[in-house]
């Protein structure tokens, strides 16, 4: 059973960590992100089945799924003094999904390729992927960076 769901930089969800139980109810007004939370969970399921790249293509490509808001939300934005508006991103964009279950935890970070001349420059790449035995936060058991799985997790 899933105990925690984590989503970052996905559509209307900037950063979210949700504790889960046997039954979970998600409520809120229209446009508050309920459907995007469900879609993020579905995308995580596609990841487990090896279909995350195709699923992202069906959503219009990785770039169209990124959080469109600002990189940081200021105190004035939180208080409602100024509107939350997007800006030009300075940092690297990554879609991050993960979960913690009773026996293991999993996290994946997806991004666009570095500058390339390839015809596939808009195809998402797995930037990091980790599986933990037990809860996340300890050294990953099978870390992956790009296409390589670390033989020695301590080197991660």
N, C-alpha and C. Protein backbone atom coordinates (compact mmCIF):
# COMPACT_ATOMS: atom_id res chain seq x y z
N UNK A 1 0.84 -1.18 0.00
CA UNK A 1 0.00 0.00 0.00
C UNK A 1 0.89 1.25 0.00
N UNK A 2 0.52 2.23 -0.79
CA UNK A 2 1.25 3.49 -0.82
C UNK A 2 0.99 4.26 0.47
N UNK A 3 2.06 4.81 1.03
CA UNK A 3 1.96 5.60 2.26
C UNK A 3 2.11 7.10 1.99
N UNK A 4 2.90 7.43 0.95
CA UNK A 4 3.16 8.83 0.62
C UNK A 4 3.29 8.97 -0.89
N UNK A 5 2.77 10.06 -1.42
CA UNK A 5 2.92 10.41 -2.83
C UNK A 5 3.62 11.76 -2.91
N UNK A 6 4.61 11.87 -3.77
CA UNK A 6 5.33 13.13 -3.95
C UNK A 6 5.31 13.53 -5.42
N UNK A 7 4.99 14.79 -5.68
CA UNK A 7 4.92 15.32 -7.04
C UNK A 7 5.56 16.70 -7.03
N UNK A 8 6.42 16.96 -7.99
CA UNK A 8 7.02 18.30 -8.10
C UNK A 8 7.12 18.70 -9.57
N UNK A 9 6.74 19.94 -9.84
CA UNK A 9 6.91 20.55 -11.15
C UNK A 9 6.00 19.92 -12.21
N UNK A 10 4.78 19.54 -11.81
CA UNK A 10 3.84 18.93 -12.75
C UNK A 10 2.58 19.77 -12.85
N UNK A 11 2.37 20.37 -13.99
CA UNK A 11 1.20 21.17 -14.29
C UNK A 11 0.93 22.22 -13.21
N UNK A 12 -0.20 22.12 -12.51
CA UNK A 12 -0.51 23.12 -11.48
C UNK A 12 0.10 22.78 -10.12
N UNK A 13 0.85 21.69 -10.05
CA UNK A 13 1.46 21.26 -8.79
C UNK A 13 2.94 21.64 -8.78
N UNK A 14 3.29 22.59 -7.92
CA UNK A 14 4.68 23.01 -7.81
C UNK A 14 5.46 21.97 -6.99
N UNK A 15 5.11 21.81 -5.74
CA UNK A 15 5.73 20.80 -4.87
C UNK A 15 4.65 20.30 -3.93
N UNK A 16 4.49 18.99 -3.88
CA UNK A 16 3.44 18.41 -3.04
C UNK A 16 3.89 17.06 -2.52
N UNK A 17 3.76 16.86 -1.23
CA UNK A 17 3.99 15.56 -0.60
C UNK A 17 2.72 15.26 0.19
N UNK A 18 2.05 14.16 -0.16
CA UNK A 18 0.75 13.82 0.42
C UNK A 18 0.84 12.50 1.17
N UNK A 19 0.55 12.51 2.48
CA UNK A 19 0.45 11.23 3.19
C UNK A 19 -0.84 10.52 2.74
N UNK A 20 -0.75 9.22 2.56
CA UNK A 20 -1.90 8.45 2.09
C UNK A 20 -2.31 7.40 3.12
N UNK A 21 -3.57 7.01 3.05
CA UNK A 21 -4.08 5.96 3.91
C UNK A 21 -4.84 4.98 3.03
N UNK A 22 -5.57 4.06 3.64
CA UNK A 22 -6.29 3.06 2.85
C UNK A 22 -7.34 3.69 1.96
N UNK A 23 -7.96 4.77 2.42
CA UNK A 23 -8.96 5.49 1.64
C UNK A 23 -8.61 6.96 1.70
N UNK A 24 -8.57 7.60 0.53
CA UNK A 24 -8.19 9.02 0.45
C UNK A 24 -9.24 9.76 -0.37
N UNK A 25 -9.60 10.92 0.10
CA UNK A 25 -10.59 11.76 -0.58
C UNK A 25 -9.94 13.09 -0.92
N UNK A 26 -9.99 13.46 -2.19
CA UNK A 26 -9.40 14.71 -2.63
C UNK A 26 -10.54 15.63 -3.04
N UNK A 27 -10.63 16.77 -2.36
CA UNK A 27 -11.69 17.74 -2.65
C UNK A 27 -11.07 19.10 -2.88
N UNK A 28 -11.83 19.98 -3.50
CA UNK A 28 -11.38 21.35 -3.71
C UNK A 28 -12.19 21.99 -4.81
N UNK A 29 -12.08 23.30 -4.93
CA UNK A 29 -12.83 24.00 -5.98
C UNK A 29 -12.27 23.68 -7.37
N UNK A 30 -13.04 24.04 -8.38
CA UNK A 30 -12.58 23.86 -9.75
C UNK A 30 -11.26 24.58 -9.95
N UNK A 31 -10.36 23.95 -10.68
CA UNK A 31 -9.07 24.57 -10.98
C UNK A 31 -8.06 24.51 -9.85
N UNK A 32 -8.32 23.71 -8.82
CA UNK A 32 -7.39 23.66 -7.68
C UNK A 32 -6.32 22.58 -7.81
N UNK A 33 -6.41 21.72 -8.85
CA UNK A 33 -5.36 20.73 -9.07
C UNK A 33 -5.74 19.29 -8.77
N UNK A 34 -7.00 19.02 -8.50
CA UNK A 34 -7.43 17.65 -8.19
C UNK A 34 -7.14 16.71 -9.36
N UNK A 35 -7.49 17.10 -10.55
CA UNK A 35 -7.26 16.25 -11.73
C UNK A 35 -5.77 16.08 -11.99
N UNK A 36 -4.99 17.12 -11.75
CA UNK A 36 -3.55 17.00 -11.97
C UNK A 36 -2.91 16.06 -10.96
N UNK A 37 -3.43 16.00 -9.75
CA UNK A 37 -2.93 15.04 -8.77
C UNK A 37 -3.23 13.62 -9.26
N UNK A 38 -4.43 13.40 -9.75
CA UNK A 38 -4.80 12.09 -10.29
C UNK A 38 -3.92 11.75 -11.50
N UNK A 39 -3.70 12.73 -12.39
CA UNK A 39 -2.88 12.49 -13.58
C UNK A 39 -1.43 12.17 -13.21
N UNK A 40 -0.92 12.82 -12.17
CA UNK A 40 0.44 12.54 -11.71
C UNK A 40 0.53 11.11 -11.17
N UNK A 41 -0.48 10.67 -10.46
CA UNK A 41 -0.50 9.29 -9.95
C UNK A 41 -0.58 8.31 -11.11
N UNK A 42 -1.37 8.63 -12.12
CA UNK A 42 -1.47 7.79 -13.31
C UNK A 42 -0.12 7.74 -14.05
N UNK A 43 0.56 8.86 -14.14
CA UNK A 43 1.87 8.93 -14.78
C UNK A 43 2.89 8.08 -14.02
N UNK A 44 2.80 8.10 -12.71
CA UNK A 44 3.68 7.26 -11.89
C UNK A 44 3.40 5.77 -12.16
N UNK A 45 2.14 5.42 -12.33
CA UNK A 45 1.78 4.04 -12.68
C UNK A 45 2.33 3.67 -14.06
N UNK A 46 2.28 4.59 -15.00
CA UNK A 46 2.85 4.35 -16.33
C UNK A 46 4.36 4.13 -16.24
N UNK A 47 5.01 4.83 -15.32
CA UNK A 47 6.44 4.66 -15.11
C UNK A 47 6.74 3.23 -14.70
N UNK A 48 5.94 2.69 -13.81
CA UNK A 48 6.13 1.32 -13.33
C UNK A 48 5.94 0.29 -14.44
N UNK A 49 5.15 0.65 -15.45
CA UNK A 49 4.88 -0.28 -16.55
C UNK A 49 5.76 0.00 -17.76
N UNK A 50 6.72 0.91 -17.62
CA UNK A 50 7.63 1.21 -18.72
C UNK A 50 7.03 2.11 -19.79
N UNK A 51 5.95 2.80 -19.48
CA UNK A 51 5.27 3.59 -20.50
C UNK A 51 5.29 5.08 -20.25
N UNK A 52 6.20 5.58 -19.41
CA UNK A 52 6.18 6.99 -19.05
C UNK A 52 6.46 7.90 -20.25
N UNK A 53 7.34 7.52 -21.15
CA UNK A 53 7.67 8.36 -22.30
C UNK A 53 6.46 8.51 -23.22
N UNK A 54 5.78 7.40 -23.50
CA UNK A 54 4.58 7.46 -24.33
C UNK A 54 3.46 8.24 -23.65
N UNK A 55 3.33 8.07 -22.33
CA UNK A 55 2.30 8.79 -21.60
C UNK A 55 2.56 10.30 -21.66
N UNK A 56 3.81 10.70 -21.53
CA UNK A 56 4.14 12.12 -21.63
C UNK A 56 3.89 12.65 -23.04
N UNK A 57 4.16 11.84 -24.04
CA UNK A 57 3.88 12.24 -25.43
C UNK A 57 2.38 12.48 -25.62
N UNK A 58 1.54 11.62 -25.03
CA UNK A 58 0.09 11.79 -25.12
C UNK A 58 -0.38 13.07 -24.42
N UNK A 59 0.40 13.54 -23.44
CA UNK A 59 0.04 14.77 -22.74
C UNK A 59 0.57 16.02 -23.44
N UNK A 60 1.19 15.84 -24.60
CA UNK A 60 1.70 16.98 -25.33
C UNK A 60 3.20 17.19 -25.19
N UNK A 61 3.88 16.23 -24.61
CA UNK A 61 5.32 16.33 -24.42
C UNK A 61 5.68 16.80 -23.02
N UNK A 62 6.88 16.48 -22.62
CA UNK A 62 7.33 16.81 -21.27
C UNK A 62 7.26 18.30 -21.00
N UNK A 63 7.69 19.11 -21.95
CA UNK A 63 7.73 20.55 -21.73
C UNK A 63 6.35 21.12 -21.41
N UNK A 64 5.30 20.54 -21.96
CA UNK A 64 3.94 21.04 -21.70
C UNK A 64 3.41 20.61 -20.34
N UNK A 65 4.09 19.68 -19.67
CA UNK A 65 3.61 19.22 -18.36
C UNK A 65 4.28 19.94 -17.19
N UNK A 66 5.32 20.73 -17.47
CA UNK A 66 6.03 21.40 -16.39
C UNK A 66 5.17 22.46 -15.71
N UNK A 67 5.42 22.65 -14.42
CA UNK A 67 4.81 23.73 -13.64
C UNK A 67 5.08 25.04 -14.37
N UNK A 68 4.06 25.82 -14.60
CA UNK A 68 4.21 27.05 -15.38
C UNK A 68 4.40 28.28 -14.50
N UNK A 69 4.36 28.08 -13.20
CA UNK A 69 4.51 29.21 -12.28
C UNK A 69 5.97 29.59 -12.07
N UNK A 70 6.20 30.51 -11.15
CA UNK A 70 7.56 30.97 -10.90
C UNK A 70 8.41 29.88 -10.22
N UNK A 71 9.73 30.02 -10.34
CA UNK A 71 10.63 29.06 -9.70
C UNK A 71 10.48 29.11 -8.19
N UNK A 72 10.30 30.29 -7.65
CA UNK A 72 10.08 30.43 -6.21
C UNK A 72 8.82 31.24 -5.97
N UNK A 73 8.12 30.88 -4.93
CA UNK A 73 6.92 31.62 -4.56
C UNK A 73 7.28 32.49 -3.36
N UNK A 74 7.16 33.77 -3.54
CA UNK A 74 7.58 34.72 -2.51
C UNK A 74 6.55 34.81 -1.39
N UNK A 75 6.97 35.44 -0.31
CA UNK A 75 6.07 35.65 0.82
C UNK A 75 4.88 36.51 0.39
N UNK A 76 5.14 37.51 -0.45
CA UNK A 76 4.07 38.38 -0.92
C UNK A 76 3.08 37.62 -1.80
N UNK A 77 3.57 36.65 -2.59
CA UNK A 77 2.66 35.82 -3.39
C UNK A 77 1.80 34.96 -2.48
N UNK A 78 2.43 34.38 -1.45
CA UNK A 78 1.69 33.53 -0.51
C UNK A 78 0.60 34.31 0.22
N UNK A 79 0.87 35.55 0.55
CA UNK A 79 -0.10 36.36 1.29
C UNK A 79 -1.18 36.95 0.39
N UNK A 80 -1.00 36.85 -0.93
CA UNK A 80 -1.99 37.39 -1.86
C UNK A 80 -1.76 38.83 -2.23
N UNK A 81 -0.65 39.43 -1.77
CA UNK A 81 -0.35 40.83 -2.10
C UNK A 81 -0.08 41.00 -3.59
N UNK A 82 0.60 40.02 -4.18
CA UNK A 82 0.91 40.07 -5.60
C UNK A 82 0.47 38.74 -6.22
N UNK A 83 0.08 38.77 -7.50
CA UNK A 83 -0.36 37.52 -8.13
C UNK A 83 0.80 36.55 -8.35
N UNK A 84 0.48 35.27 -8.39
CA UNK A 84 1.46 34.24 -8.73
C UNK A 84 1.53 34.20 -10.25
N UNK A 85 2.64 34.65 -10.79
CA UNK A 85 2.81 34.70 -12.24
C UNK A 85 4.08 33.97 -12.63
N UNK A 86 4.07 33.42 -13.84
CA UNK A 86 5.26 32.71 -14.31
C UNK A 86 6.34 33.70 -14.70
N UNK A 87 7.55 33.18 -14.76
CA UNK A 87 8.68 33.98 -15.21
C UNK A 87 9.61 33.09 -16.01
N UNK A 88 10.64 33.67 -16.57
CA UNK A 88 11.60 32.89 -17.34
C UNK A 88 12.43 32.06 -16.36
N UNK A 89 12.47 30.77 -16.59
CA UNK A 89 13.20 29.87 -15.68
C UNK A 89 14.70 30.01 -15.88
N UNK A 90 15.39 30.10 -14.77
CA UNK A 90 16.85 30.17 -14.80
C UNK A 90 17.45 28.78 -14.57
N UNK A 91 16.81 27.98 -13.74
CA UNK A 91 17.34 26.66 -13.38
C UNK A 91 16.92 25.58 -14.36
N UNK A 92 17.38 24.38 -14.09
CA UNK A 92 17.05 23.22 -14.90
C UNK A 92 15.64 22.76 -14.56
N UNK A 93 14.86 22.40 -15.57
CA UNK A 93 13.49 21.93 -15.33
C UNK A 93 13.49 20.41 -15.20
N UNK A 94 12.85 19.92 -14.14
CA UNK A 94 12.72 18.50 -13.92
C UNK A 94 11.31 18.20 -13.42
N UNK A 95 10.72 17.15 -13.95
CA UNK A 95 9.47 16.61 -13.43
C UNK A 95 9.87 15.52 -12.45
N UNK A 96 9.40 15.61 -11.22
CA UNK A 96 9.77 14.63 -10.20
C UNK A 96 8.52 13.97 -9.65
N UNK A 97 8.56 12.65 -9.62
CA UNK A 97 7.46 11.84 -9.09
C UNK A 97 8.04 10.79 -8.16
N UNK A 98 7.29 10.42 -7.15
CA UNK A 98 7.77 9.37 -6.26
C UNK A 98 6.70 8.91 -5.30
N UNK A 99 7.00 7.82 -4.63
CA UNK A 99 6.10 7.32 -3.60
C UNK A 99 6.90 6.55 -2.56
N UNK A 100 6.30 6.42 -1.41
CA UNK A 100 6.82 5.54 -0.36
C UNK A 100 5.72 4.53 -0.05
N UNK A 101 6.09 3.27 -0.04
CA UNK A 101 5.16 2.20 0.30
C UNK A 101 5.63 1.55 1.61
N UNK A 102 4.98 0.49 2.00
CA UNK A 102 5.37 -0.17 3.25
C UNK A 102 6.74 -0.83 3.14
N UNK A 103 7.05 -1.44 1.99
CA UNK A 103 8.28 -2.20 1.84
C UNK A 103 9.38 -1.51 1.05
N UNK A 104 9.01 -0.59 0.17
CA UNK A 104 10.02 0.09 -0.64
C UNK A 104 9.51 1.46 -1.06
N UNK A 105 10.44 2.26 -1.56
CA UNK A 105 10.12 3.60 -2.04
C UNK A 105 10.75 3.78 -3.42
N UNK A 106 10.22 4.72 -4.18
CA UNK A 106 10.67 4.92 -5.56
C UNK A 106 10.58 6.41 -5.89
N UNK A 107 11.55 6.89 -6.67
CA UNK A 107 11.52 8.28 -7.15
C UNK A 107 12.14 8.33 -8.54
N UNK A 108 11.58 9.21 -9.38
CA UNK A 108 12.11 9.41 -10.72
C UNK A 108 12.13 10.91 -11.02
N UNK A 109 13.16 11.32 -11.73
CA UNK A 109 13.31 12.70 -12.17
C UNK A 109 13.47 12.68 -13.68
N UNK A 110 12.59 13.38 -14.39
CA UNK A 110 12.60 13.41 -15.85
C UNK A 110 12.91 14.82 -16.33
N UNK A 111 13.69 14.91 -17.40
CA UNK A 111 14.02 16.21 -17.96
C UNK A 111 14.28 16.10 -19.45
N UNK A 112 14.47 17.23 -20.07
CA UNK A 112 14.81 17.26 -21.49
C UNK A 112 16.30 17.01 -21.66
N UNK A 113 16.69 16.48 -22.81
CA UNK A 113 18.13 16.26 -23.04
C UNK A 113 18.91 17.56 -23.01
N UNK A 114 20.19 17.42 -22.68
CA UNK A 114 21.08 18.58 -22.77
C UNK A 114 21.15 18.99 -24.24
N UNK A 115 21.73 20.11 -24.51
CA UNK A 115 21.81 20.59 -25.90
C UNK A 115 22.34 19.49 -26.81
N UNK A 116 21.57 19.22 -27.85
CA UNK A 116 21.93 18.14 -28.76
C UNK A 116 21.48 18.48 -30.16
N UNK A 117 22.07 17.85 -31.13
CA UNK A 117 21.66 18.02 -32.52
C UNK A 117 20.71 16.90 -32.95
N UNK A 118 20.36 16.05 -32.02
CA UNK A 118 19.51 14.90 -32.29
C UNK A 118 18.11 15.34 -32.72
N UNK A 119 17.48 14.52 -33.52
CA UNK A 119 16.09 14.76 -33.91
C UNK A 119 15.15 14.51 -32.74
N UNK A 120 15.66 13.93 -31.64
CA UNK A 120 14.85 13.58 -30.49
C UNK A 120 15.10 14.51 -29.31
N UNK A 121 15.44 15.76 -29.58
CA UNK A 121 15.83 16.69 -28.52
C UNK A 121 14.68 17.09 -27.60
N UNK A 122 13.44 16.78 -27.97
CA UNK A 122 12.31 17.08 -27.09
C UNK A 122 11.79 15.85 -26.36
N UNK A 123 12.42 14.68 -26.61
CA UNK A 123 12.01 13.47 -25.90
C UNK A 123 12.52 13.50 -24.47
N UNK A 124 11.69 13.15 -23.52
CA UNK A 124 12.13 13.15 -22.12
C UNK A 124 13.23 12.13 -21.87
N UNK A 125 14.08 12.45 -20.91
CA UNK A 125 15.12 11.53 -20.45
C UNK A 125 14.94 11.29 -18.97
N UNK A 126 15.25 10.07 -18.54
CA UNK A 126 15.30 9.79 -17.12
C UNK A 126 16.62 10.37 -16.62
N UNK A 127 16.54 11.38 -15.76
CA UNK A 127 17.75 12.02 -15.24
C UNK A 127 18.23 11.29 -14.00
N UNK A 128 17.31 10.90 -13.13
CA UNK A 128 17.65 10.10 -11.95
C UNK A 128 16.47 9.21 -11.63
N UNK A 129 16.78 8.05 -11.11
CA UNK A 129 15.76 7.09 -10.71
C UNK A 129 16.33 6.29 -9.55
N UNK A 130 15.55 6.16 -8.49
CA UNK A 130 16.04 5.43 -7.31
C UNK A 130 14.95 4.54 -6.75
N UNK A 131 15.38 3.40 -6.23
CA UNK A 131 14.51 2.49 -5.48
C UNK A 131 15.18 2.27 -4.13
N UNK A 132 14.41 2.42 -3.07
CA UNK A 132 14.91 2.18 -1.73
C UNK A 132 14.20 0.98 -1.13
N UNK A 133 14.92 0.18 -0.37
CA UNK A 133 14.31 -0.86 0.46
C UNK A 133 13.93 -0.16 1.75
N UNK A 134 12.66 -0.12 2.05
CA UNK A 134 12.20 0.66 3.21
C UNK A 134 11.83 2.05 2.74
N UNK A 135 11.96 3.01 3.65
CA UNK A 135 11.56 4.38 3.35
C UNK A 135 12.66 5.15 2.66
N UNK A 136 12.28 6.11 1.83
CA UNK A 136 13.25 6.99 1.18
C UNK A 136 13.97 7.80 2.24
N UNK A 137 15.16 8.25 1.92
CA UNK A 137 15.93 9.04 2.86
C UNK A 137 17.22 8.36 3.25
N UNK A 138 17.25 7.03 3.14
CA UNK A 138 18.50 6.31 3.35
C UNK A 138 19.16 6.15 1.98
N UNK A 139 20.36 5.64 1.94
CA UNK A 139 21.04 5.47 0.65
C UNK A 139 20.20 4.58 -0.26
N UNK A 140 20.01 5.00 -1.53
CA UNK A 140 19.22 4.18 -2.45
C UNK A 140 19.88 2.84 -2.72
N UNK A 141 19.06 1.82 -2.88
CA UNK A 141 19.56 0.48 -3.13
C UNK A 141 19.98 0.31 -4.58
N UNK A 142 19.18 0.83 -5.51
CA UNK A 142 19.47 0.69 -6.94
C UNK A 142 19.33 2.05 -7.60
N UNK A 143 20.31 2.93 -7.41
CA UNK A 143 20.19 4.25 -8.04
C UNK A 143 20.57 4.20 -9.52
N UNK A 144 19.96 5.08 -10.27
CA UNK A 144 20.25 5.20 -11.69
C UNK A 144 20.36 6.67 -12.04
N UNK A 145 21.40 7.01 -12.77
CA UNK A 145 21.56 8.36 -13.26
C UNK A 145 21.70 8.25 -14.77
N UNK A 146 20.73 8.82 -15.49
CA UNK A 146 20.71 8.65 -16.95
C UNK A 146 20.50 7.20 -17.28
N UNK A 147 21.36 6.61 -18.09
CA UNK A 147 21.21 5.22 -18.48
C UNK A 147 22.02 4.25 -17.65
N UNK A 148 22.65 4.71 -16.56
CA UNK A 148 23.56 3.85 -15.79
C UNK A 148 23.00 3.54 -14.42
N UNK A 149 23.07 2.29 -14.03
CA UNK A 149 22.72 1.87 -12.68
C UNK A 149 24.01 1.74 -11.91
N UNK A 150 24.07 2.33 -10.73
CA UNK A 150 25.29 2.32 -9.92
C UNK A 150 25.53 0.92 -9.35
N UNK A 151 26.75 0.41 -9.51
CA UNK A 151 27.12 -0.86 -8.89
C UNK A 151 27.30 -0.72 -7.40
N UNK A 152 27.73 0.45 -6.98
CA UNK A 152 28.00 0.71 -5.58
C UNK A 152 27.16 1.91 -5.15
N UNK A 153 26.00 1.68 -4.51
CA UNK A 153 25.11 2.79 -4.16
C UNK A 153 25.80 3.86 -3.33
N UNK A 154 26.88 3.54 -2.62
CA UNK A 154 27.57 4.54 -1.83
C UNK A 154 28.13 5.65 -2.73
N UNK A 155 28.42 5.31 -3.98
CA UNK A 155 28.96 6.28 -4.92
C UNK A 155 27.89 7.24 -5.44
N UNK A 156 26.65 6.98 -5.17
CA UNK A 156 25.55 7.78 -5.66
C UNK A 156 25.62 9.11 -5.00
